[in-house]
Amino acid sequence: MASSAQQQQLAASLSLANFSKATELKKRLWFTLGALIVFRLVSFVPLPGIDPEALNSLFAKTQGGVLDFFNMFSGGALQRMSLIALGVTPYITASIIIQLMTSLVPSLMTLKKEGESGRKKLNQYTRYGTVLLTAVQGYGIAVGLEGWGAGQGIAAVIDPGWFFRISTVITLIGGTMFLMWLGEQITSRGIGNGISLIIMAGIVSHLPVSVGQLFEQTRTGAISLGFVLMVAVLGLATIAFICVMERAQRKILIQYPKRQVGSRQYQGDSSFLPLKINTSGVIPPIFASSLLLMPLTVAQFLGKGGNGPDWLLTVTTQLQRGAPVYMALYAAGIIFFSFFYTAVVFNPEETAENLKKYGGFIPGIRPGVRTSEYLDYVLTRITVIGAAYLTVICLLPEFLTSKVGIAASFGGTSLLIIVNVTMDTVAQIQSHLLAHQYDGLIKKSKLRGNRR
């Protein structure tokens, strides 16, 4: 009876009638949609001093390379050289650096333990790092644009010089900081994680172009119809596998002893501590690709100019999509950040102390240090599975699609981000609907009490 009642309650919470009454949720959804529309509009505002036709012709000759992959993450903003050409990549890279330093520098570790005030200071350091990284990367792109295509008689920059470089750096800093602010506003006033939604919106916006390119390749005979069907089946299978793995958990039984409160005695209770197989979520692929793609993008811009050193050409050649070195570094980055981010979000020692504080224990395991060691042992084992799952999902479709020149939007990383962000956003919407339903029940009970 209880399970049936819970199912009815969940169905009622997700009904259209209940959704229409959830005013706060609708406001959040409209705000999120409006913010994403602003993001897409800004991605079409070009940098000053760029020749768009020359830029398009140069990008057409680099399709399938690292620029194409990074362009997908920015929603096409890099190809158009818009104000937000760098996307949120500098912010993500700065976040990685701050989190790594938090684990290594004692003063930053102390700030992390200070709660809300410490978190605000760390966020401020992340913003400073974002500005610095954007300035460095923006200058590298500006210099690379000035020489890009010089050997082919194509000039992407109308008037090269220091004025163009400085204006480009300032403009890119402003665009990246605006995008970072927009993501924070979505997180606080909208639905879902703002930065993740912006990344997903960029990938989804690039999907129609990728589908069009796929059909064009089929029409010209570059790829067969059978291969297109195979890619579609592989994509559906990948989505289903992601959904299963993201919901997979390792449940640890927690037992609570009998309690004596005054003259009343409460029976012992039991519950479960759920540990997700993929505790780190979509963070490892995003972090790994951000660290790998941004230096490669700058190197490729500088190498294309013909004035850069020979090692830049070697770097961009060896680290193309599907190349062994690229795949190895990408896999290593995913595995490293899977363990690192899991250690950041779950602390076995703290969890063991909380269980001991409230009288909970794992059957057969002594409270305290032994419980912490056991949790760490279990978490390490399931993280190995989670890291292997992320590596296979991100690399196998990437390897297959890169060999035939299919757009990066069909890669495993893209599908992983889209499915994860969609599932998290839907879960938040369900939470808001359920909270709204409980608010309605509480108001009704108060009204009935007043009538009595």
Protein backbone atom coordinates (compact mmCIF):
# COMPACT_ATOMS: atom_id res chain seq x y z
CA MET A 1 0.00 0.00 0.00
CA ALA A 2 2.79 2.41 0.83
CA SER A 3 4.58 1.85 -2.47
CA SER A 4 1.33 2.29 -4.39
CA ALA A 5 0.64 5.54 -2.57
CA GLN A 6 4.15 6.79 -3.35
CA GLN A 7 3.70 5.98 -7.03
CA GLN A 8 0.39 7.84 -7.10
CA GLN A 9 1.98 10.78 -5.34
CA LEU A 10 4.85 10.88 -7.85
CA ALA A 11 2.43 10.67 -10.78
CA ALA A 12 0.40 13.50 -9.34
CA SER A 13 3.51 15.61 -8.84
CA LEU A 14 4.43 15.23 -12.50
CA SER A 15 0.95 15.94 -13.87
CA LEU A 16 0.45 18.87 -16.21
CA ALA A 17 -2.15 20.39 -13.89
CA ASN A 18 0.35 20.48 -11.03
CA PHE A 19 3.01 21.92 -13.34
CA SER A 20 0.69 24.75 -14.41
CA LYS A 21 0.25 25.75 -10.76
CA ALA A 22 3.99 25.71 -9.99
CA THR A 23 4.57 29.43 -10.57
CA GLU A 24 8.08 29.48 -9.11
CA LEU A 25 9.17 26.55 -11.29
CA LYS A 26 7.78 28.19 -14.43
CA LYS A 27 9.68 31.39 -13.63
CA ARG A 28 12.89 29.42 -13.24
CA LEU A 29 12.34 27.56 -16.51
CA TRP A 30 11.61 30.76 -18.42
CA PHE A 31 14.70 32.41 -16.93
CA THR A 32 16.86 29.43 -17.93
CA LEU A 33 15.45 29.45 -21.46
CA GLY A 34 15.97 33.20 -21.78
CA ALA A 35 19.56 32.96 -20.54
CA LEU A 36 20.37 30.20 -23.04
CA ILE A 37 18.83 32.30 -25.85
CA VAL A 38 21.08 35.20 -24.81
CA PHE A 39 24.05 32.83 -24.92
CA ARG A 40 23.18 31.80 -28.47
CA LEU A 41 22.67 35.42 -29.60
CA VAL A 42 26.02 36.54 -28.17
CA SER A 43 27.76 33.66 -29.98
CA PHE A 44 26.90 35.41 -33.28
CA VAL A 45 28.51 38.76 -32.31
CA PRO A 46 31.96 38.74 -34.04
CA LEU A 47 35.23 40.10 -32.76
CA PRO A 48 36.24 43.46 -34.26
CA GLY A 49 38.74 43.38 -37.13
CA ILE A 50 37.90 39.87 -38.44
CA ASP A 51 37.14 39.02 -42.07
CA PRO A 52 34.28 36.45 -41.73
CA GLU A 53 34.57 35.07 -45.28
CA ALA A 54 38.31 34.43 -44.98
CA LEU A 55 37.80 32.90 -41.54
CA ASN A 56 35.13 30.50 -42.85
CA SER A 57 37.37 29.35 -45.70
CA LEU A 58 40.23 28.68 -43.26
CA PHE A 59 38.00 26.74 -40.86
CA ALA A 60 36.62 24.68 -43.75
CA LYS A 61 40.14 23.34 -44.32
CA THR A 62 40.56 22.24 -40.68
CA GLN A 63 37.32 20.29 -40.21
CA GLY A 64 37.73 17.11 -38.23
CA GLY A 65 40.69 18.47 -36.27
CA VAL A 66 41.00 19.75 -32.75
CA LEU A 67 39.49 23.11 -33.75
CA ASP A 68 36.32 21.34 -34.86
CA PHE A 69 36.07 19.57 -31.51
CA PHE A 70 36.61 22.75 -29.52
CA ASN A 71 34.21 24.61 -31.79
CA MET A 72 31.51 22.11 -30.79
CA PHE A 73 31.99 22.94 -27.09
CA SER A 74 31.59 26.65 -27.83
CA GLY A 75 28.45 26.14 -29.93
CA GLY A 76 30.12 27.37 -33.13
CA ALA A 77 31.37 30.56 -31.45
CA LEU A 78 35.01 29.73 -32.21
CA GLN A 79 34.34 29.28 -35.92
CA ARG A 80 32.61 32.66 -36.03
CA MET A 81 35.27 34.20 -33.72
CA SER A 82 32.57 35.74 -31.59
CA LEU A 83 32.89 37.52 -28.25
CA ILE A 84 32.58 34.18 -26.47
CA ALA A 85 34.90 32.23 -28.79
CA LEU A 86 36.69 30.71 -25.78
CA GLY A 87 33.42 29.63 -24.18
CA VAL A 88 33.60 28.57 -20.53
CA THR A 89 36.84 26.63 -21.05
CA PRO A 90 39.06 29.16 -19.18
CA TYR A 91 36.66 29.08 -16.23
CA ILE A 92 36.68 25.28 -16.15
CA THR A 93 40.48 25.20 -16.39
CA ALA A 94 40.76 27.75 -13.56
CA SER A 95 38.38 25.64 -11.47
CA ILE A 96 40.58 22.59 -12.03
CA ILE A 97 43.70 24.50 -10.93
CA ILE A 98 42.02 25.88 -7.80
CA GLN A 99 40.67 22.46 -6.82
CA LEU A 100 44.08 20.87 -7.30
CA MET A 101 45.72 23.61 -5.23
CA THR A 102 43.05 23.19 -2.55
CA SER A 103 44.27 19.64 -2.03
CA LEU A 104 47.95 20.67 -1.97
CA VAL A 105 48.12 24.14 -0.34
CA PRO A 106 47.26 24.15 3.40
CA SER A 107 45.91 27.74 3.40
CA LEU A 108 43.47 26.95 0.59
CA MET A 109 42.51 23.71 2.34
CA THR A 110 41.67 25.77 5.42
CA LEU A 111 39.51 28.10 3.32
CA LYS A 112 37.59 25.12 1.98
CA LYS A 113 36.73 24.03 5.53
CA GLU A 114 35.44 27.49 6.52
CA GLY A 115 32.07 26.91 4.87
CA GLU A 116 30.27 29.58 2.88
CA SER A 117 32.82 32.37 3.47
CA GLY A 118 35.69 30.14 2.37
CA ARG A 119 33.77 28.99 -0.70
CA LYS A 120 33.22 32.62 -1.73
CA LYS A 121 36.94 33.35 -1.48
CA LEU A 122 37.80 30.27 -3.54
CA ASN A 123 35.25 31.33 -6.16
CA GLN A 124 36.89 34.76 -6.28
CA TYR A 125 40.30 33.14 -6.84
CA THR A 126 38.73 31.09 -9.63
CA ARG A 127 37.48 34.28 -11.30
CA TYR A 128 40.95 35.84 -11.10
CA GLY A 129 42.39 32.70 -12.66
CA THR A 130 39.75 32.83 -15.40
CA VAL A 131 40.77 36.38 -16.32
CA LEU A 132 44.46 35.43 -16.42
CA LEU A 133 43.92 32.30 -18.53
CA THR A 134 41.59 34.12 -20.91
CA ALA A 135 44.16 36.88 -21.40
CA VAL A 136 46.94 34.39 -22.20
CA GLN A 137 44.81 32.25 -24.49
CA GLY A 138 43.22 35.28 -26.13
CA TYR A 139 46.63 36.74 -26.96
CA GLY A 140 47.75 33.42 -28.45
CA ILE A 141 44.64 33.27 -30.62
CA ALA A 142 45.04 36.92 -31.71
CA VAL A 143 48.66 36.32 -32.78
CA GLY A 144 47.70 33.10 -34.51
CA LEU A 145 44.84 34.74 -36.41
CA GLU A 146 47.20 37.38 -37.79
CA GLY A 147 49.37 34.76 -39.46
CA TRP A 148 46.77 32.06 -40.09
CA GLY A 149 46.41 31.47 -43.81
CA ALA A 150 49.36 33.67 -44.77
CA GLY A 151 50.92 30.85 -46.77
CA GLN A 152 47.66 30.42 -48.70
CA GLY A 153 47.19 34.11 -49.47
CA ILE A 154 44.20 34.41 -47.07
CA ALA A 155 44.11 37.08 -44.35
CA ALA A 156 41.63 36.48 -41.52
CA VAL A 157 42.55 39.78 -39.81
CA ILE A 158 41.79 43.02 -41.65
CA ASP A 159 44.36 45.21 -39.86
CA PRO A 160 46.97 43.19 -37.91
CA GLY A 161 48.93 44.83 -35.13
CA TRP A 162 49.00 45.56 -31.43
CA PHE A 163 45.68 47.37 -31.51
CA PHE A 164 43.99 44.22 -32.82
CA ARG A 165 45.75 42.02 -30.26
CA ILE A 166 44.84 44.22 -27.29
CA SER A 167 41.25 44.71 -28.40
CA THR A 168 40.89 40.96 -29.00
CA VAL A 169 42.21 40.10 -25.53
CA ILE A 170 39.94 42.65 -23.82
CA THR A 171 36.91 41.53 -25.82
CA LEU A 172 37.49 37.82 -25.13
CA ILE A 173 37.94 38.52 -21.41
CA GLY A 174 34.65 40.40 -21.35
CA GLY A 175 32.86 37.64 -23.26
CA THR A 176 34.17 34.83 -21.05
CA MET A 177 33.38 36.71 -17.83
CA PHE A 178 29.87 37.45 -19.12
CA LEU A 179 29.38 33.76 -19.89
CA MET A 180 30.64 32.80 -16.44
CA TRP A 181 28.25 35.29 -14.83
CA LEU A 182 25.39 33.99 -16.98
CA GLY A 183 26.08 30.43 -15.84
CA GLU A 184 26.06 31.50 -12.19
CA GLN A 185 22.74 33.28 -12.70
CA ILE A 186 21.21 30.15 -14.24
CA THR A 187 22.39 28.08 -11.28
CA SER A 188 20.94 30.48 -8.67
CA ARG A 189 17.79 31.72 -10.44
CA GLY A 190 17.06 29.01 -12.98
CA ILE A 191 17.04 25.21 -13.20
CA GLY A 192 20.13 23.01 -13.32
CA ASN A 193 23.84 23.76 -13.29
CA GLY A 194 24.42 26.88 -15.40
CA ILE A 195 27.88 26.04 -16.74
CA SER A 196 26.83 22.50 -17.69
CA LEU A 197 23.68 23.79 -19.40
CA ILE A 198 25.71 26.29 -21.43
CA ILE A 199 28.06 23.53 -22.58
CA MET A 200 25.10 21.29 -23.45
CA ALA A 201 23.36 24.13 -25.31
CA GLY A 202 26.49 24.64 -27.40
CA ILE A 203 26.66 20.95 -28.29
CA VAL A 204 22.92 20.68 -29.08
CA SER A 205 23.04 23.82 -31.23
CA HIS A 206 25.79 22.21 -33.28
CA LEU A 207 23.86 18.98 -33.84
CA PRO A 208 21.76 20.21 -36.83
CA VAL A 209 24.95 21.27 -38.64
CA SER A 210 26.54 17.90 -37.90
CA VAL A 211 23.45 16.03 -39.13
CA GLY A 212 23.47 18.11 -42.31
CA GLN A 213 27.14 17.30 -42.89
CA LEU A 214 26.41 13.61 -42.34
CA PHE A 215 23.62 13.60 -44.92
CA GLU A 216 25.81 15.52 -47.35
CA GLN A 217 28.58 12.93 -46.96
CA THR A 218 26.01 10.20 -47.59
CA ARG A 219 24.68 11.98 -50.69
CA THR A 220 28.14 12.41 -52.19
CA GLY A 221 29.05 8.79 -51.43
CA ALA A 222 31.82 9.64 -48.95
CA ILE A 223 30.17 7.28 -46.46
CA SER A 224 27.58 4.57 -47.00
CA LEU A 225 24.00 4.51 -45.74
CA GLY A 226 24.79 1.34 -43.81
CA PHE A 227 27.49 3.15 -41.86
CA VAL A 228 25.05 5.97 -41.01
CA LEU A 229 22.60 3.39 -39.65
CA MET A 230 25.42 1.81 -37.66
CA VAL A 231 26.28 5.22 -36.15
CA ALA A 232 22.60 5.75 -35.23
CA VAL A 233 22.36 2.34 -33.55
CA LEU A 234 25.67 2.94 -31.75
CA GLY A 235 24.39 6.31 -30.54
CA LEU A 236 21.16 4.84 -29.15
CA ALA A 237 23.06 2.01 -27.48
CA THR A 238 25.48 4.53 -25.97
CA ILE A 239 22.61 6.64 -24.59
CA ALA A 240 20.95 3.56 -23.05
CA PHE A 241 24.26 2.43 -21.52
CA ILE A 242 24.87 5.91 -20.07
CA CYS A 243 21.39 5.97 -18.48
CA VAL A 244 21.98 2.56 -16.87
CA MET A 245 25.45 3.40 -15.54
CA GLU A 246 24.48 6.83 -14.24
CA ARG A 247 21.73 5.26 -12.11
CA ALA A 248 23.87 2.34 -10.93
CA GLN A 249 24.66 2.37 -7.21
CA ARG A 250 26.48 0.33 -4.61
CA LYS A 251 24.27 0.30 -1.51
CA ILE A 252 26.02 -0.19 1.83
CA LEU A 253 23.82 -1.36 4.69
CA ILE A 254 23.83 0.97 7.72
CA GLN A 255 22.45 -0.38 11.01
CA TYR A 256 21.25 1.76 13.94
CA PRO A 257 20.98 0.21 17.44
CA LYS A 258 18.04 0.46 19.81
CA ARG A 259 17.68 3.82 21.52
CA GLN A 260 16.30 4.79 24.92
CA VAL A 261 14.72 8.27 24.95
CA GLY A 262 13.21 8.99 28.36
CA SER A 263 10.84 6.20 29.23
CA ARG A 264 10.37 5.13 25.60
CA GLN A 265 12.53 2.63 23.77
CA TYR A 266 12.93 2.84 19.99
CA GLN A 267 13.68 -0.23 17.91
CA GLY A 268 16.86 -0.38 15.87
CA ASP A 269 16.53 0.84 12.32
CA SER A 270 18.48 0.22 9.12
CA SER A 271 19.11 2.22 5.98
CA PHE A 272 21.42 2.26 3.00
CA LEU A 273 24.33 4.51 2.06
CA PRO A 274 24.15 4.78 -1.75
CA LEU A 275 27.45 5.17 -3.58
CA LYS A 276 27.13 5.93 -7.28
CA ILE A 277 29.29 3.94 -9.66
CA ASN A 278 30.11 7.21 -11.42
CA THR A 279 30.37 9.58 -8.46
CA SER A 280 32.21 12.24 -10.48
CA GLY A 281 29.47 12.51 -13.12
CA VAL A 282 30.32 14.38 -16.30
CA ILE A 283 33.16 16.38 -14.74
CA PRO A 284 36.15 14.16 -15.79
CA PRO A 285 35.50 14.34 -19.58
CA ILE A 286 34.85 18.10 -19.40
CA PHE A 287 38.00 18.73 -17.33
CA ALA A 288 40.16 16.43 -19.46
CA SER A 289 38.96 17.87 -22.75
CA SER A 290 39.33 21.46 -21.47
CA LEU A 291 42.93 20.91 -20.39
CA LEU A 292 43.75 19.12 -23.63
CA LEU A 293 41.87 21.25 -26.15
CA MET A 294 42.73 24.80 -25.17
CA PRO A 295 46.55 24.53 -25.43
CA LEU A 296 46.11 22.56 -28.65
CA THR A 297 43.83 25.25 -30.06
CA VAL A 298 46.39 27.97 -29.41
CA ALA A 299 49.18 25.74 -30.78
CA GLN A 300 47.19 25.04 -33.93
CA PHE A 301 46.46 28.74 -34.47
CA LEU A 302 50.15 29.60 -34.09
CA GLY A 303 51.25 26.66 -36.23
CA LYS A 304 48.88 27.55 -39.07
CA GLY A 305 50.50 30.88 -39.53
CA GLY A 306 53.66 29.41 -40.97
CA ASN A 307 55.80 31.60 -38.68
CA GLY A 308 55.69 29.35 -35.64
CA PRO A 309 58.30 26.76 -34.70
CA ASP A 310 58.25 23.30 -36.24
CA TRP A 311 57.34 21.62 -32.95
CA LEU A 312 53.92 23.31 -33.04
CA LEU A 313 53.13 21.53 -36.29
CA THR A 314 54.31 18.26 -34.75
CA VAL A 315 52.11 18.79 -31.68
CA THR A 316 48.97 19.55 -33.71
CA THR A 317 49.64 16.59 -35.99
CA GLN A 318 50.20 14.05 -33.24
CA LEU A 319 47.24 15.24 -31.16
CA GLN A 320 44.47 15.21 -33.75
CA ARG A 321 41.18 13.46 -33.03
CA GLY A 322 41.66 9.70 -33.11
CA ALA A 323 45.48 9.90 -32.97
CA PRO A 324 47.11 7.49 -30.47
CA VAL A 325 48.76 10.23 -28.39
CA TYR A 326 45.53 12.24 -28.19
CA MET A 327 43.51 9.18 -27.16
CA ALA A 328 46.10 8.17 -24.54
CA LEU A 329 46.21 11.65 -22.96
CA TYR A 330 42.43 11.95 -23.06
CA ALA A 331 42.01 8.56 -21.35
CA ALA A 332 44.64 9.44 -18.73
CA GLY A 333 42.88 12.74 -18.02
CA ILE A 334 39.48 11.07 -17.63
CA ILE A 335 40.86 8.42 -15.25
CA PHE A 336 42.79 10.97 -13.17
CA PHE A 337 39.84 13.35 -12.77
CA SER A 338 37.47 10.47 -12.02
CA PHE A 339 39.50 9.61 -8.91
CA PHE A 340 40.36 13.21 -8.09
CA TYR A 341 36.82 14.59 -8.25
CA THR A 342 35.43 11.57 -6.39
CA ALA A 343 37.88 12.31 -3.58
CA VAL A 344 36.73 15.94 -3.60
CA VAL A 345 32.99 15.26 -3.35
CA PHE A 346 33.10 12.24 -0.97
CA ASN A 347 35.19 12.10 2.19
CA PRO A 348 35.21 8.60 3.79
CA GLU A 349 36.64 9.89 7.08
CA GLU A 350 33.94 12.53 7.47
CA THR A 351 31.21 10.05 6.57
CA ALA A 352 32.56 7.52 9.09
CA GLU A 353 32.64 10.18 11.82
CA ASN A 354 29.04 11.21 11.09
CA LEU A 355 27.88 7.59 11.26
CA LYS A 356 29.67 7.12 14.57
CA LYS A 357 28.21 10.36 15.90
CA TYR A 358 24.62 9.24 15.24
CA GLY A 359 25.17 5.65 16.34
CA GLY A 360 25.17 4.09 12.87
CA PHE A 361 27.52 1.29 11.88
CA ILE A 362 28.17 -1.10 9.02
CA PRO A 363 27.51 -4.73 10.08
CA GLY A 364 30.81 -6.53 10.62
CA ILE A 365 32.86 -3.31 10.49
CA ARG A 366 34.01 -1.45 13.62
CA PRO A 367 32.98 2.25 13.77
CA GLY A 368 35.60 4.93 13.23
CA VAL A 369 38.84 4.21 11.39
CA ARG A 370 37.80 0.74 10.19
CA THR A 371 34.59 2.16 8.71
CA SER A 372 36.56 4.91 6.94
CA GLU A 373 38.97 2.35 5.48
CA TYR A 374 36.10 0.13 4.34
CA LEU A 375 34.29 3.04 2.66
CA ASP A 376 37.52 4.10 0.96
CA TYR A 377 38.09 0.52 -0.23
CA VAL A 378 34.57 0.21 -1.68
CA LEU A 379 34.70 3.69 -3.24
CA THR A 380 38.05 2.97 -4.91
CA ARG A 381 36.75 -0.26 -6.43
CA ILE A 382 33.57 1.27 -7.85
CA THR A 383 35.51 4.32 -9.08
CA VAL A 384 37.67 1.96 -11.14
CA ILE A 385 34.47 0.75 -12.82
CA GLY A 386 33.21 4.31 -13.22
CA ALA A 387 36.49 5.53 -14.72
CA ALA A 388 36.57 2.58 -17.14
CA TYR A 389 32.97 3.30 -18.14
CA LEU A 390 33.71 6.97 -18.83
CA THR A 391 36.85 6.10 -20.78
CA VAL A 392 35.04 3.61 -23.02
CA ILE A 393 32.06 5.91 -23.56
CA CYS A 394 34.23 8.89 -24.50
CA LEU A 395 36.94 7.15 -26.53
CA LEU A 396 35.28 4.34 -28.47
CA PRO A 397 32.77 6.50 -30.43
CA GLU A 398 35.47 9.17 -30.73
CA PHE A 399 37.82 6.68 -32.37
CA LEU A 400 35.17 5.35 -34.75
CA THR A 401 33.85 8.76 -35.86
CA SER A 402 37.30 10.34 -36.29
CA LYS A 403 38.38 7.63 -38.70
CA VAL A 404 35.68 8.61 -41.21
CA GLY A 405 35.60 12.37 -40.52
CA ILE A 406 32.20 12.50 -38.80
CA ALA A 407 31.53 15.62 -36.74
CA ALA A 408 32.48 15.63 -33.07
CA SER A 409 28.84 16.16 -32.06
CA PHE A 410 28.29 12.43 -32.51
CA GLY A 411 31.11 11.50 -30.14
CA GLY A 412 30.70 9.76 -26.79
CA THR A 413 31.74 12.88 -24.85
CA SER A 414 28.92 14.89 -26.41
CA LEU A 415 26.32 12.21 -25.70
CA LEU A 416 27.60 11.81 -22.13
CA ILE A 417 27.28 15.54 -21.44
CA ILE A 418 23.82 15.79 -23.04
CA VAL A 419 22.39 12.76 -21.21
CA ASN A 420 23.92 13.67 -17.83
CA VAL A 421 22.85 17.30 -17.90
CA THR A 422 19.36 16.34 -19.10
CA MET A 423 18.96 13.77 -16.32
CA ASP A 424 20.17 16.23 -13.65
CA THR A 425 17.88 18.98 -14.93
CA VAL A 426 14.83 16.68 -15.06
CA ALA A 427 15.61 15.51 -11.51
CA GLN A 428 15.64 19.12 -10.32
CA ILE A 429 12.34 19.82 -12.07
CA GLN A 430 10.81 16.78 -10.34
CA SER A 431 12.14 18.01 -6.99
CA HIS A 432 10.55 21.42 -7.51
CA LEU A 433 7.24 19.82 -8.50
CA LEU A 434 7.29 17.56 -5.46
CA ALA A 435 8.14 20.48 -3.17
CA HIS A 436 5.29 22.49 -4.70
CA GLN A 437 2.88 19.60 -4.07
CA TYR A 438 3.93 19.37 -0.41
CA ASP A 439 3.52 23.14 -0.03
CA GLY A 440 -0.02 22.82 -1.39
CA LEU A 441 -0.83 19.99 1.06
CA ILE A 442 0.56 21.99 4.00
CA LYS A 443 -1.52 25.04 3.04
CA LYS A 444 -4.67 22.91 2.76
CA SER A 445 -4.07 21.33 6.17
CA LYS A 446 -3.62 24.78 7.73
CA LEU A 447 -6.85 25.99 6.19
CA ARG A 448 -8.73 22.96 7.52
CA GLY A 449 -7.21 23.52 10.97
CA ASN A 450 -8.33 27.16 10.97
CA ARG A 451 -11.89 26.18 10.03
CA ARG A 452 -12.05 23.85 13.01
